Amino acid sequence: MPVWSRATFPLTELSLEQWERALRIDLTAVFLCIKHQAPAMLRSGGGAIVNTASGLAQIAIANAAEYVSAKHGVVGLTRAAAVELGGRNIRVNSVLPGIVETDLISRLAEQPEFKAFLGRSKDRHLMGRFPAPREIGEAVAWLLSDHASFINGAAVPVDGGYLVN
């Protein structure tokens, strides 16, 4: 089975185990980070948290219900945490990257069925390419910085225009 196919089951064929695994990895882990980060941040006077969601937190694609649902949940959790913590000097935001040019994506691009998906996805990016990890990191660094001191509860696309196309 190709590495990426574990997240390509139609909703009606998705097992409860696959559903719960995706939620644990992509949503519950974010909850646990905020739950344990916030008290330390409150003791030190505040700070900023940036969660990684996905462009699929705003839209959906077929055969990825567990991932799409979890990433929608990350945005909701981000907003709920912003409401609870914003008045206590902790800003909480999320970034919404699309596919990022990583070693994993390069390896998956060698699989014919993924290569076709990747091509279609790249065609939706107004900039005609996928971002380097550094480009996502720069958006995160900005959201963590004092330059973004009035940004709270936002879901910031860092996707080269994927969501507007």
Foldseek 3Di string as FASTA:
>chain_A
DDPPCLQQAAPVPDDPVSLVVLLVVQAVVLVVCCVVVVVVQLVVQEFEEEAEAALLLVPHDGRRVSNSVNSVNNLVVQLVVLVVCVVSHYAGEYEHEYDEPDPVLVVVCVDVVVVVVVVVQLVLQPVSDHHHPVQVVVVVVCCRDCVVSPDHSYYHYPYNRNNVD
